[in-house]
């Protein structure tokens, strides 16, 4: 009798585990045009318009139009393993905003009207 109860309990536990796996949240999919491993900034909100992508630490992003005029754009971190910190000023100066891997801002907004530099894997 104990053997049957053990089998029943094992079957219920397996069913619960499978059910939990089925409802686990999936990772955010990168928006269209955002290449793997990159920090992507779109010209328009909601990941629309032209996209520009960088892949490493950059002390000066003012040469990239989307980064320089980021206010009405969008950003997504499609990095392979790291969060990225973006700074309004060049040279990693001033306040930094963390963009976690696999997440994005569908509208960058007033606080970060320009992205002057970025640094990967700092947090």
Protein backbone atom coordinates (compact mmCIF):
# COMPACT_ATOMS: atom_id res chain seq x y z
CA UNK A 1 0.00 0.00 0.00
CA UNK A 2 2.84 2.42 0.80
CA UNK A 3 4.38 1.63 -2.57
CA UNK A 4 1.18 2.67 -4.39
CA UNK A 5 0.97 5.88 -2.35
CA UNK A 6 4.58 6.69 -3.20
CA UNK A 7 3.92 6.17 -6.90
CA UNK A 8 0.82 8.35 -6.74
CA UNK A 9 2.71 11.10 -4.90
CA UNK A 10 5.56 10.89 -7.41
CA UNK A 11 3.10 11.18 -10.30
CA UNK A 12 1.42 14.22 -8.74
CA UNK A 13 4.77 15.91 -8.09
CA UNK A 14 5.83 15.33 -11.70
CA UNK A 15 2.54 16.77 -12.96
CA UNK A 16 2.94 19.88 -10.80
CA UNK A 17 6.52 20.34 -11.99
CA UNK A 18 5.50 20.03 -15.65
CA UNK A 19 2.61 22.45 -15.14
CA UNK A 20 4.93 25.02 -13.55
CA UNK A 21 7.39 24.73 -16.40
CA UNK A 22 4.64 25.38 -18.93
CA UNK A 23 3.74 28.74 -17.40
CA UNK A 24 7.28 29.99 -16.73
CA UNK A 25 7.83 33.41 -18.34
CA UNK A 26 9.87 33.52 -21.52
CA UNK A 27 12.77 35.89 -22.06
CA UNK A 28 11.91 39.10 -23.89
CA UNK A 29 12.43 38.74 -27.59
CA UNK A 30 14.53 41.44 -29.19
CA UNK A 31 12.68 43.88 -31.42
CA UNK A 32 13.08 43.65 -35.17
CA UNK A 33 16.48 44.76 -36.41
CA UNK A 34 18.29 44.46 -33.05
CA UNK A 35 21.29 42.21 -33.65
CA UNK A 36 22.41 39.68 -31.06
CA UNK A 37 25.02 41.00 -28.64
CA UNK A 38 24.25 44.67 -29.17
CA UNK A 39 22.81 47.78 -27.57
CA UNK A 40 20.24 48.94 -30.11
CA UNK A 41 18.83 52.45 -30.29
CA UNK A 42 15.90 53.18 -32.59
CA UNK A 43 15.09 56.54 -34.12
CA UNK A 44 11.44 56.39 -32.99
CA UNK A 45 9.56 55.15 -29.93
CA UNK A 46 8.22 51.59 -29.80
CA UNK A 47 11.30 50.24 -31.63
CA UNK A 48 10.35 51.88 -34.92
CA UNK A 49 12.47 53.55 -37.59
CA UNK A 50 16.16 53.13 -38.28
CA UNK A 51 18.23 51.25 -35.70
CA UNK A 52 21.88 51.77 -34.76
CA UNK A 53 23.76 49.14 -32.75
CA UNK A 54 26.96 49.15 -30.68
CA UNK A 55 28.69 46.11 -29.19
CA UNK A 56 31.35 47.27 -26.75
CA UNK A 57 32.15 50.05 -24.29
CA UNK A 58 32.03 53.44 -25.99
CA UNK A 59 33.33 56.67 -24.48
CA UNK A 60 31.75 58.84 -27.18
CA UNK A 61 28.54 57.92 -29.00
CA UNK A 62 27.81 61.39 -30.36
CA UNK A 63 28.80 60.23 -33.84
CA UNK A 64 25.71 58.00 -33.93
CA UNK A 65 22.61 60.02 -34.79
CA UNK A 66 20.16 57.79 -32.88
CA UNK A 67 22.28 57.98 -29.71
CA UNK A 68 22.90 61.72 -30.02
CA UNK A 69 19.17 62.49 -30.46
CA UNK A 70 17.76 59.69 -28.30
CA UNK A 71 14.89 61.63 -26.70
CA UNK A 72 12.05 60.30 -28.88
CA UNK A 73 13.65 56.94 -29.65
CA UNK A 74 13.73 53.51 -28.05
CA UNK A 75 16.57 51.32 -26.74
CA UNK A 76 17.02 47.57 -26.22
CA UNK A 77 19.83 45.58 -24.59
CA UNK A 78 20.28 42.46 -26.70
CA UNK A 79 23.64 41.70 -25.08
CA UNK A 80 24.81 38.13 -24.77
CA UNK A 81 25.57 38.14 -21.06
CA UNK A 82 25.64 41.62 -19.51
CA UNK A 83 23.64 44.59 -18.42
CA UNK A 84 24.68 47.90 -19.95
CA UNK A 85 24.88 51.32 -18.33
CA UNK A 86 24.17 54.30 -20.57
CA UNK A 87 25.29 57.82 -19.73
CA UNK A 88 24.00 61.16 -20.94
CA UNK A 89 27.54 62.53 -21.20
CA UNK A 90 30.57 61.20 -23.02
CA UNK A 91 33.34 59.49 -21.06
CA UNK A 92 30.93 57.68 -18.69
CA UNK A 93 30.32 60.96 -16.87
CA UNK A 94 27.29 61.88 -14.78
CA UNK A 95 24.37 59.70 -13.90
CA UNK A 96 24.14 56.29 -15.51
CA UNK A 97 20.97 54.36 -16.30
CA UNK A 98 21.03 50.56 -16.24
CA UNK A 99 19.44 48.73 -19.12
CA UNK A 100 19.18 45.10 -18.08
CA UNK A 101 20.00 42.36 -20.57
CA UNK A 102 16.93 41.31 -22.54
CA UNK A 103 14.98 44.47 -21.70
CA UNK A 104 14.35 47.79 -23.33
CA UNK A 105 12.78 51.21 -23.12
CA UNK A 106 10.06 51.67 -25.72
CA UNK A 107 10.46 55.43 -25.27
CA UNK A 108 13.73 56.80 -23.89
CA UNK A 109 12.28 60.13 -22.72
CA UNK A 110 13.40 63.42 -21.23
CA UNK A 111 15.83 62.17 -18.56
CA UNK A 112 18.11 60.74 -21.21
CA UNK A 113 17.71 63.07 -24.18
CA UNK A 114 21.07 61.92 -25.51
CA UNK A 115 23.20 58.82 -24.93
CA UNK A 116 26.78 60.01 -24.84
CA UNK A 117 28.51 56.80 -23.74
CA UNK A 118 27.86 53.22 -22.66
CA UNK A 119 29.63 50.62 -20.54
CA UNK A 120 28.87 46.88 -20.42
CA UNK A 121 29.03 44.47 -17.45
CA UNK A 122 29.33 47.09 -14.72
CA UNK A 123 26.37 45.87 -12.62
